[in-house]
Protein backbone atom coordinates (compact mmCIF):
# COMPACT_ATOMS: atom_id res chain seq x y z
CA UNK A 1 -25.55 -21.50 -25.57
CA UNK A 2 -27.49 -24.73 -26.11
CA UNK A 3 -30.93 -24.94 -24.47
CA UNK A 4 -30.82 -26.38 -20.98
CA UNK A 5 -32.69 -29.62 -20.42
CA UNK A 6 -35.20 -29.47 -17.58
CA UNK A 7 -34.71 -31.65 -14.54
CA UNK A 8 -36.86 -34.75 -14.11
CA UNK A 9 -38.77 -33.22 -11.18
CA UNK A 10 -39.39 -29.92 -12.99
CA UNK A 11 -42.91 -28.83 -13.91
CA UNK A 12 -43.56 -26.66 -16.96
CA UNK A 13 -45.87 -23.81 -15.95
CA UNK A 14 -45.88 -21.72 -19.10
CA UNK A 15 -44.36 -21.47 -22.55
CA UNK A 16 -44.73 -18.31 -24.63
CA UNK A 17 -43.40 -14.81 -25.28
CA UNK A 18 -44.62 -13.31 -22.02
CA UNK A 19 -46.93 -13.64 -19.11
CA UNK A 20 -47.63 -13.26 -15.40
CA UNK A 21 -47.07 -16.12 -12.99
CA UNK A 22 -48.29 -16.05 -9.39
CA UNK A 23 -45.80 -16.86 -6.66
CA UNK A 24 -46.84 -19.62 -4.30
CA UNK A 25 -44.04 -20.82 -2.01
CA UNK A 26 -41.17 -20.15 -4.44
CA UNK A 27 -38.24 -18.08 -3.12
CA UNK A 28 -35.86 -17.96 -6.07
CA UNK A 29 -35.78 -17.48 -9.84
CA UNK A 30 -33.09 -18.81 -12.20
CA UNK A 31 -32.51 -17.52 -15.73
CA UNK A 32 -30.32 -19.75 -17.89
CA UNK A 33 -29.59 -20.51 -21.50
CA UNK A 34 -30.63 -17.08 -22.76
CA UNK A 35 -28.15 -15.41 -25.10
CA UNK A 36 -28.57 -11.71 -25.73
CA UNK A 37 -29.80 -9.27 -23.07
CA UNK A 38 -31.52 -10.05 -19.78
CA UNK A 39 -33.06 -7.08 -17.98
CA UNK A 40 -34.34 -7.65 -14.44
CA UNK A 41 -36.07 -5.14 -12.18
CA UNK A 42 -38.17 -5.20 -9.05
CA UNK A 43 -41.84 -5.85 -9.68
CA UNK A 44 -45.10 -6.23 -7.78
CA UNK A 45 -45.31 -8.55 -4.78
CA UNK A 46 -46.61 -12.03 -5.45
CA UNK A 47 -46.07 -12.23 -9.22
CA UNK A 48 -43.38 -12.77 -11.83
CA UNK A 49 -43.98 -10.79 -15.02
CA UNK A 50 -41.83 -11.39 -18.12
CA UNK A 51 -41.62 -10.62 -21.83
CA UNK A 52 -39.25 -11.95 -24.53
CA UNK A 53 -38.50 -10.56 -28.01
CA UNK A 54 -35.86 -10.90 -30.69
CA UNK A 55 -32.86 -8.72 -29.88
CA UNK A 56 -32.30 -7.88 -33.54
CA UNK A 57 -35.98 -7.09 -34.23
CA UNK A 58 -37.77 -6.14 -31.06
CA UNK A 59 -41.18 -6.21 -32.73
CA UNK A 60 -40.93 -9.99 -33.04
CA UNK A 61 -41.99 -12.01 -30.02
CA UNK A 62 -40.06 -15.09 -28.99
CA UNK A 63 -41.10 -17.90 -26.70
CA UNK A 64 -39.41 -18.95 -23.46
CA UNK A 65 -40.30 -21.70 -21.00
CA UNK A 66 -41.04 -21.07 -17.34
CA UNK A 67 -40.60 -24.06 -15.08
CA UNK A 68 -40.89 -24.65 -11.38
CA UNK A 69 -38.25 -26.87 -9.74
CA UNK A 70 -38.80 -27.28 -6.04
CA UNK A 71 -39.04 -23.76 -4.64
CA UNK A 72 -37.53 -21.96 -7.58
CA UNK A 73 -38.75 -20.70 -10.92
CA UNK A 74 -36.57 -21.37 -13.97
CA UNK A 75 -36.74 -19.42 -17.23
CA UNK A 76 -34.93 -20.96 -20.20
CA UNK A 77 -35.37 -21.37 -23.97
CA UNK A 78 -37.94 -23.99 -25.01
CA UNK A 79 -36.51 -27.44 -25.71
CA UNK A 80 -35.54 -27.77 -29.36
CA UNK A 81 -35.77 -24.04 -30.10
CA UNK A 82 -33.44 -22.39 -32.63
CA UNK A 83 -30.61 -20.49 -30.95
CA UNK A 84 -30.79 -16.73 -31.46
CA UNK A 85 -30.09 -13.59 -29.47
CA UNK A 86 -33.02 -12.54 -27.32
CA UNK A 87 -34.16 -9.63 -25.16
CA UNK A 88 -35.74 -10.94 -21.97
CA UNK A 89 -37.31 -8.50 -19.50
CA UNK A 90 -38.41 -9.73 -16.09
CA UNK A 91 -40.17 -7.95 -13.23
CA UNK A 92 -39.31 -9.88 -10.07
CA UNK A 93 -41.25 -9.61 -6.80
CA UNK A 94 -39.38 -8.28 -3.77
CA UNK A 95 -39.08 -11.61 -1.93
CA UNK A 96 -37.39 -13.65 -4.66
CA UNK A 97 -33.63 -14.20 -4.92
CA UNK A 98 -32.27 -14.02 -8.47
CA UNK A 99 -29.74 -16.27 -10.23
CA UNK A 100 -28.59 -15.73 -13.81
CA UNK A 101 -26.31 -17.88 -16.00
CA UNK A 102 -24.88 -16.05 -19.02
CA UNK A 103 -22.65 -16.56 -22.04
CA UNK A 104 -21.85 -13.87 -24.61
CA UNK A 105 -24.68 -11.81 -23.18
CA UNK A 106 -25.61 -8.78 -21.13
CA UNK A 107 -27.37 -8.58 -17.77
CA UNK A 108 -28.95 -5.40 -16.44
CA UNK A 109 -30.22 -5.80 -12.88
CA UNK A 110 -31.84 -2.80 -11.20
CA UNK A 111 -33.29 -2.38 -7.73
CA UNK A 112 -33.67 -6.03 -6.78
CA UNK A 113 -34.61 -6.40 -3.13
CA UNK A 114 -33.06 -9.81 -2.47
CA UNK A 115 -29.80 -11.50 -3.45
CA UNK A 116 -28.31 -11.65 -6.96
CA UNK A 117 -26.09 -14.53 -8.15
CA UNK A 118 -24.45 -14.44 -11.59
CA UNK A 119 -22.37 -17.03 -13.43
CA UNK A 120 -21.09 -16.10 -16.86
CA UNK A 121 -18.43 -15.83 -19.51
CA UNK A 122 -17.69 -13.15 -22.10
CA UNK A 123 -20.60 -11.13 -20.77
CA UNK A 124 -21.42 -7.68 -19.42
CA UNK A 125 -23.05 -7.53 -15.99
CA UNK A 126 -24.47 -4.27 -14.65
CA UNK A 127 -26.11 -4.50 -11.22
CA UNK A 128 -27.37 -1.41 -9.42
CA UNK A 129 -29.23 -0.85 -6.17
CA UNK A 130 -29.29 -4.51 -5.08
CA UNK A 131 -30.82 -4.93 -1.63
CA UNK A 132 -29.41 -8.38 -0.89
CA UNK A 133 -26.04 -10.06 -1.23
CA UNK A 134 -24.32 -10.12 -4.63
CA UNK A 135 -22.29 -13.11 -5.85
CA UNK A 136 -20.66 -12.97 -9.30
CA UNK A 137 -18.31 -15.36 -11.14
CA UNK A 138 -17.36 -14.06 -14.56
CA UNK A 139 -14.73 -14.96 -17.17
CA UNK A 140 -14.22 -12.25 -19.77
CA UNK A 141 -16.34 -9.16 -20.25
CA UNK A 142 -17.22 -6.36 -17.84
CA UNK A 143 -18.76 -6.13 -14.38
CA UNK A 144 -20.36 -3.13 -12.70
CA UNK A 145 -21.91 -3.26 -9.23
CA UNK A 146 -23.16 0.02 -7.76
CA UNK A 147 -25.17 0.45 -4.57
CA UNK A 148 -25.20 -3.11 -3.21
CA UNK A 149 -26.49 -2.91 0.34
CA UNK A 150 -25.08 -6.18 1.69
CA UNK A 151 -22.01 -8.36 1.20
CA UNK A 152 -20.53 -8.75 -2.28
CA UNK A 153 -18.51 -11.75 -3.50
CA UNK A 154 -16.76 -11.51 -6.86
CA UNK A 155 -14.49 -13.88 -8.81
CA UNK A 156 -13.36 -12.66 -12.22
CA UNK A 157 -10.85 -13.51 -14.94
CA UNK A 158 -9.87 -10.98 -17.62
CA UNK A 159 -12.76 -8.69 -16.71
CA UNK A 160 -13.03 -4.92 -16.41
CA UNK A 161 -14.52 -4.51 -12.93
CA UNK A 162 -16.13 -1.45 -11.33
CA UNK A 163 -17.54 -1.81 -7.81
CA UNK A 164 -18.87 1.23 -5.94
CA UNK A 165 -21.01 2.14 -2.94
CA UNK A 166 -20.84 -1.33 -1.40
CA UNK A 167 -22.67 -1.44 1.93
CA UNK A 168 -21.42 -4.83 3.09
CA UNK A 169 -18.10 -6.64 3.13
CA UNK A 170 -16.37 -7.28 -0.21
CA UNK A 171 -14.65 -10.59 -0.93
CA UNK A 172 -13.07 -10.65 -4.38
CA UNK A 173 -10.59 -12.55 -6.53
CA UNK A 174 -9.35 -10.83 -9.69
CA UNK A 175 -7.19 -12.50 -12.35
CA UNK A 176 -6.03 -10.22 -15.13
CA UNK A 177 -8.07 -7.30 -16.35
CA UNK A 178 -8.64 -4.28 -14.16
CA UNK A 179 -10.63 -3.48 -11.02
CA UNK A 180 -11.69 -0.11 -9.65
CA UNK A 181 -13.33 -0.14 -6.23
CA UNK A 182 -14.87 3.01 -4.80
CA UNK A 183 -16.60 3.63 -1.45
CA UNK A 184 -16.65 0.38 0.52
CA UNK A 185 -18.47 0.65 3.83
CA UNK A 186 -17.32 -2.54 5.52
CA UNK A 187 -13.83 -3.47 4.35
CA UNK A 188 -12.53 -5.95 1.79
CA UNK A 189 -10.55 -9.17 1.33
CA UNK A 190 -8.98 -9.16 -2.13
CA UNK A 191 -6.81 -11.65 -4.04
CA UNK A 192 -5.24 -10.07 -7.13
CA UNK A 193 -3.24 -11.75 -9.91
CA UNK A 194 -1.85 -9.65 -12.79
CA UNK A 195 -4.60 -7.07 -12.26
CA UNK A 196 -4.56 -3.27 -12.25
CA UNK A 197 -6.39 -2.57 -8.98
CA UNK A 198 -7.45 0.80 -7.56
CA UNK A 199 -9.33 0.94 -4.26
CA UNK A 200 -10.61 4.34 -3.14
CA UNK A 201 -12.42 5.22 0.11
CA UNK A 202 -12.78 2.21 2.39
CA UNK A 203 -14.30 2.49 5.87
CA UNK A 204 -13.33 -1.00 7.04
CA UNK A 205 -10.16 -3.05 7.19
CA UNK A 206 -8.56 -4.13 3.90
CA UNK A 207 -6.64 -7.32 3.10
CA UNK A 208 -4.94 -7.57 -0.31
CA UNK A 209 -2.79 -10.39 -1.71
CA UNK A 210 -1.33 -9.32 -5.05
CA UNK A 211 0.95 -10.94 -7.63
CA UNK A 212 1.99 -8.84 -10.60
CA UNK A 213 -0.17 -6.03 -11.92
CA UNK A 214 -0.32 -2.94 -9.71
CA UNK A 215 -2.29 -1.85 -6.63
CA UNK A 216 -3.40 1.60 -5.51
CA UNK A 217 -5.04 2.01 -2.10
CA UNK A 218 -6.45 5.45 -1.32
CA UNK A 219 -8.39 6.98 1.57
CA UNK A 220 -8.77 4.07 3.95
CA UNK A 221 -9.66 4.51 7.62
CA UNK A 222 -9.21 1.14 9.36
CA UNK A 223 -5.78 -0.02 8.20
CA UNK A 224 -4.73 -2.81 5.86
CA UNK A 225 -2.74 -6.05 5.49
CA UNK A 226 -0.96 -6.19 2.14
CA UNK A 227 1.08 -9.00 0.53
CA UNK A 228 2.78 -7.80 -2.66
CA UNK A 229 4.80 -10.01 -5.02
CA UNK A 230 6.29 -8.09 -7.94
CA UNK A 231 3.25 -5.85 -7.69
CA UNK A 232 3.82 -2.08 -7.25
CA UNK A 233 1.82 -0.60 -4.37
CA UNK A 234 0.74 3.01 -3.86
CA UNK A 235 -0.88 4.21 -0.61
CA UNK A 236 -2.31 7.71 -0.21
CA UNK A 237 -4.39 9.47 2.45
CA UNK A 238 -4.62 6.28 4.50
CA UNK A 239 -5.29 5.72 8.22
CA UNK A 240 -4.85 2.94 10.75
CA UNK A 241 -2.21 0.23 11.05
CA UNK A 242 -0.72 -0.84 7.71
CA UNK A 243 1.24 -4.11 7.50
CA UNK A 244 3.03 -4.80 4.21
CA UNK A 245 4.94 -7.88 3.04
CA UNK A 246 6.76 -7.49 -0.26
CA UNK A 247 8.78 -9.58 -2.68
CA UNK A 248 10.57 -7.42 -5.24
CA UNK A 249 7.81 -4.80 -5.25
CA UNK A 250 7.92 -1.01 -5.43
CA UNK A 251 6.02 0.55 -2.51
CA UNK A 252 5.07 4.21 -2.19
CA UNK A 253 3.02 5.92 0.50
CA UNK A 254 1.86 9.49 0.94
CA UNK A 255 0.19 11.11 3.95
CA UNK A 256 -0.52 8.21 6.28
CA UNK A 257 -2.00 8.65 9.76
CA UNK A 258 -1.05 5.71 11.94
CA UNK A 259 1.60 3.00 11.92
CA UNK A 260 3.27 1.31 8.96
CA UNK A 261 5.24 -1.93 9.06
CA UNK A 262 7.07 -3.21 5.99
CA UNK A 263 8.86 -6.57 5.68
CA UNK A 264 10.32 -7.80 2.44
CA UNK A 265 13.09 -8.31 -0.07
CA UNK A 266 14.03 -6.29 -3.14
CA UNK A 267 12.12 -3.51 -4.80
CA UNK A 268 11.94 -0.03 -3.37
CA UNK A 269 10.20 2.10 -0.76
CA UNK A 270 9.30 5.75 -1.16
CA UNK A 271 7.32 7.51 1.53
CA UNK A 272 6.26 10.99 2.52
CA UNK A 273 4.21 12.02 5.50
CA UNK A 274 3.60 9.41 8.21
CA UNK A 275 2.50 10.47 11.69
CA UNK A 276 2.77 7.17 13.52
CA UNK A 277 5.50 4.56 13.99
CA UNK A 278 7.29 3.32 10.88
CA UNK A 279 9.01 -0.08 11.03
CA UNK A 280 10.96 -1.31 8.01
CA UNK A 281 12.71 -4.71 7.97
CA UNK A 282 13.95 -5.44 4.46
CA UNK A 283 16.90 -6.52 2.32
CA UNK A 284 18.29 -5.31 -1.01
CA UNK A 285 16.01 -2.29 -1.20
CA UNK A 286 16.28 1.40 -2.05
CA UNK A 287 14.49 3.50 0.58
CA UNK A 288 13.59 7.19 0.28
CA UNK A 289 11.63 8.75 3.13
CA UNK A 290 10.64 12.26 4.16
CA UNK A 291 8.38 14.03 6.64
CA UNK A 292 8.39 11.27 9.24
CA UNK A 293 6.61 12.25 12.45
CA UNK A 294 6.67 9.16 14.64
CA UNK A 295 9.20 6.67 15.94
CA UNK A 296 10.87 5.13 12.87
CA UNK A 297 13.07 2.03 12.62
CA UNK A 298 14.88 0.70 9.55
CA UNK A 299 16.65 -2.67 9.61
CA UNK A 300 18.21 -4.76 6.87
CA UNK A 301 21.13 -5.52 4.58
CA UNK A 302 22.06 -4.18 1.18
CA UNK A 303 20.05 -0.98 1.52
CA UNK A 304 20.29 2.52 0.12
CA UNK A 305 18.56 4.75 2.67
CA UNK A 306 17.81 8.42 2.19
CA UNK A 307 15.72 10.09 4.91
CA UNK A 308 15.01 13.81 5.24
CA UNK A 309 12.73 16.19 7.13
CA UNK A 310 12.46 13.75 10.03
CA UNK A 311 10.59 15.16 13.03
CA UNK A 312 10.39 11.90 15.00
CA UNK A 313 13.19 9.68 16.24
CA UNK A 314 14.95 7.42 13.74
CA UNK A 315 16.91 4.21 14.32
CA UNK A 316 18.80 2.55 11.46
CA UNK A 317 20.47 -0.84 11.88
CA UNK A 318 21.95 -2.11 8.64
CA UNK A 319 24.77 -3.97 6.95
CA UNK A 320 26.40 -3.39 3.56
CA UNK A 321 24.28 -0.27 3.17
CA UNK A 322 24.58 3.41 2.34
CA UNK A 323 22.82 5.75 4.77
CA UNK A 324 21.92 9.39 4.15
CA UNK A 325 19.93 11.37 6.75
CA UNK A 326 19.20 15.07 6.27
CA UNK A 327 17.34 17.36 8.63
CA UNK A 328 16.33 15.32 11.67
CA UNK A 329 14.76 17.09 14.64
CA UNK A 330 14.75 14.17 17.10
CA UNK A 331 17.13 11.44 18.24
CA UNK A 332 19.05 9.56 15.53
CA UNK A 333 20.76 6.18 15.99
CA UNK A 334 22.70 4.58 13.12
CA UNK A 335 24.51 1.24 13.14
CA UNK A 336 25.99 0.19 9.80
CA UNK A 337 28.64 -2.33 8.78
CA UNK A 338 30.39 -2.22 5.41
CA UNK A 339 28.88 1.01 4.15
CA UNK A 340 29.04 4.79 4.27
CA UNK A 341 26.97 7.09 6.51
CA UNK A 342 26.11 10.72 5.77
CA UNK A 343 24.21 12.85 8.31
CA UNK A 344 23.43 16.55 8.06
CA UNK A 345 21.30 19.05 9.92
CA UNK A 346 20.67 17.04 13.12
CA UNK A 347 19.61 19.15 16.12
CA UNK A 348 19.22 16.42 18.77
CA UNK A 349 21.30 13.48 19.99
CA UNK A 350 23.04 11.49 17.26
CA UNK A 351 24.61 8.09 17.87
CA UNK A 352 26.55 6.44 15.04
CA UNK A 353 28.43 3.14 15.06
CA UNK A 354 30.00 1.94 11.82
CA UNK A 355 32.57 -0.49 10.49
CA UNK A 356 34.40 -0.50 7.14
CA UNK A 357 32.80 2.65 5.83
CA UNK A 358 33.28 6.42 5.75
CA UNK A 359 31.25 8.76 7.95
CA UNK A 360 30.42 12.38 7.22
CA UNK A 361 28.42 14.47 9.68
CA UNK A 362 27.69 18.08 8.70
CA UNK A 363 25.75 20.98 10.21
CA UNK A 364 25.59 19.10 13.49
CA UNK A 365 23.79 21.09 16.20
CA UNK A 366 23.28 18.43 18.86
CA UNK A 367 25.42 16.01 20.87
CA UNK A 368 27.24 13.34 18.86
CA UNK A 369 28.52 9.93 19.88
CA UNK A 370 30.36 8.38 16.96
CA UNK A 371 32.29 5.11 16.96
CA UNK A 372 33.78 4.12 13.63
CA UNK A 373 36.23 1.66 12.20
CA UNK A 374 36.77 2.90 8.70
CA UNK A 375 38.98 5.02 6.46
CA UNK A 376 37.61 8.51 7.21
CA UNK A 377 35.36 10.36 9.62
CA UNK A 378 34.45 14.00 8.98
CA UNK A 379 32.35 16.03 11.45
CA UNK A 380 31.28 19.66 11.17
CA UNK A 381 29.32 21.60 13.79
CA UNK A 382 26.88 24.43 13.04
CA UNK A 383 25.78 24.79 16.67
CA UNK A 384 25.95 22.94 19.97
CA UNK A 385 24.30 22.66 23.34
CA UNK A 386 26.28 22.67 26.59
CA UNK A 387 24.16 19.93 28.19
CA UNK A 388 25.93 16.92 26.67
CA UNK A 389 29.47 16.14 25.56
CA UNK A 390 30.40 14.62 22.19
CA UNK A 391 32.81 11.80 21.38
CA UNK A 392 34.19 11.01 17.92
CA UNK A 393 36.27 7.83 17.59
CA UNK A 394 37.71 6.11 14.54
CA UNK A 395 39.68 2.94 15.11
CA UNK A 396 40.39 2.43 11.44
CA UNK A 397 41.52 5.78 10.06
CA UNK A 398 41.39 9.58 10.33
CA UNK A 399 39.09 12.14 11.96
CA UNK A 400 38.42 15.69 10.77
CA UNK A 401 36.57 18.19 12.98
CA UNK A 402 35.36 21.63 11.93
CA UNK A 403 33.62 24.30 14.04
CA UNK A 404 31.48 27.34 13.34
CA UNK A 405 32.90 30.79 14.14
CA UNK A 406 31.13 31.37 17.47
CA UNK A 407 31.55 27.85 18.85
CA UNK A 408 31.85 27.62 22.64
CA UNK A 409 33.29 24.30 23.78
CA UNK A 410 36.30 22.42 25.08
CA UNK A 411 38.25 20.33 22.55
CA UNK A 412 40.45 17.33 23.17
CA UNK A 413 42.03 15.23 20.43
CA UNK A 414 44.29 12.18 20.27
CA UNK A 415 45.96 10.28 17.44
CA UNK A 416 47.33 6.83 18.25
CA UNK A 417 49.48 6.28 15.19
CA UNK A 418 49.14 9.47 13.16
CA UNK A 419 49.40 13.22 13.73
CA UNK A 420 47.10 15.79 15.26
CA UNK A 421 46.89 19.08 13.35
CA UNK A 422 45.00 22.18 14.47
CA UNK A 423 44.10 25.24 12.42
CA UNK A 424 42.56 26.86 15.53
CA UNK A 425 44.76 29.15 17.60
CA UNK A 426 42.92 28.20 20.78
CA UNK A 427 43.49 24.49 20.31
CA UNK A 428 47.18 23.70 20.79
CA UNK A 429 48.97 20.57 19.64
CA UNK A 430 51.49 18.75 21.85
CA UNK A 431 55.14 18.56 20.80
CA UNK A 432 54.83 14.90 19.81
CA UNK A 433 51.73 15.79 17.71
CA UNK A 434 49.79 12.99 19.36
CA UNK A 435 47.44 15.22 21.37
CA UNK A 436 45.68 18.58 21.23
CA UNK A 437 43.43 20.50 23.59
CA UNK A 438 41.93 23.91 24.02
CA UNK A 439 38.86 26.05 24.67
CA UNK A 440 36.83 27.78 21.98
CA UNK A 441 34.89 30.93 22.81
CA UNK A 442 35.76 30.73 26.48
CA UNK A 443 33.31 27.87 26.89
CA UNK A 444 34.19 24.93 29.11
CA UNK A 445 31.13 22.95 27.99
CA UNK A 446 30.42 20.86 26.11
CA UNK A 447 33.46 18.69 25.71
CA UNK A 448 34.27 17.59 22.14
CA UNK A 449 36.62 14.63 22.22
CA UNK A 450 38.21 13.03 19.15
CA UNK A 451 40.29 9.84 19.07
CA UNK A 452 41.70 8.23 15.90
CA UNK A 453 44.25 5.63 14.91
CA UNK A 454 45.16 7.86 11.98
CA UNK A 455 45.45 11.63 11.63
CA UNK A 456 43.21 14.14 13.40
CA UNK A 457 42.58 17.51 11.73
CA UNK A 458 40.85 20.34 13.63
CA UNK A 459 39.69 23.51 11.92
CA UNK A 460 36.87 25.94 11.17
CA UNK A 461 34.05 25.05 8.81
CA UNK A 462 34.63 26.02 5.20
CA UNK A 463 33.94 29.70 4.69
CA UNK A 464 34.20 30.52 8.40
CA UNK A 465 36.68 33.41 9.10
CA UNK A 466 39.42 32.48 11.52
CA UNK A 467 39.73 34.49 14.70
């Protein structure tokens, strides 16, 4: 870097390889134009102490100039000096803010009591135990900040970033490179472009806007707002309200306590373990969910939904989608046009309304209300409760019902334009084969009613011995 020319109002205080300068009313020190290594540390109150040597031969002293410009000290190479790589060590009093401008160099800043501001390119910055705010803009190189007690502001491009133990709020913009953030006490606002970002352990709220790259968010406690564009997102061990907007991004969450809301288009969603409400409003997405504990809602078109081990209620309202739900312990509501629905192992109320798709319900143990307009509806019971009746209707095709061996219920069936067939001795078919009725297991409740435009077939579940 070429030597920096002093300002017209600047006063040269000292020029040499080292010295001690008393602080009068100055409140800031700027280091600029030094290529090599700059090492700053906290020093004695009231004085600036510095020493400069050749970086390649540390026995050789080299001169620097110390200026005063207004209320700040400035250390820079002497005017007209030959450019070479230097080692500059500075002990800075507790009440001075520090500013460093770097190029192709290294900064080591330890234990400074006031703020640190860095501007650089192709440099390595390592700041630890900074008592004031930290502000860094860096293009190329590496950045480490550990133990900053106040707010941190970072803007980097193609930099390897490591930020940890940040006591204040973090505002950062990362372009390219990678960023690993660990233990943030007061939240973060992050803009990420083509960056591999990992954020671990955040006590405050997090806002992330990401394009490309990938984002991992782990162990947060105050929720997050996330905008992902073609940027895969992984959430794990998170808490609070999470709001996600995606554009063709893969999203995965594991073990979340609180609510999650996802809006977007394309990509995929995989989730396991959420205790609060889950709201998904997306299009053209593959969704795989398990271990849902709250009230969950899925809406959209062009979806492939697979949900299992659902302990909370689930509502699915979709079009042109394929729905698979396995093992739900609470209420299930499904509305789907132009797609198939498969439900198994439901123990509570199930309501299904479909059009132009097949429906298969197996191992049903709770009440069922099914209205379809498609080629085929197949329902099999593994248990039932007498409290509520069940209705199975298909205005576009056939209905097949199967019962477990010890079923206790009343059965009624009707075919409008097809035939009713019964493999059960206790359910008799009318002479015109349009109706059937009967009682299984001497139970008058619940009532199982089936109505179809096509054929209706009534029998025992596969493998169940006939009585």
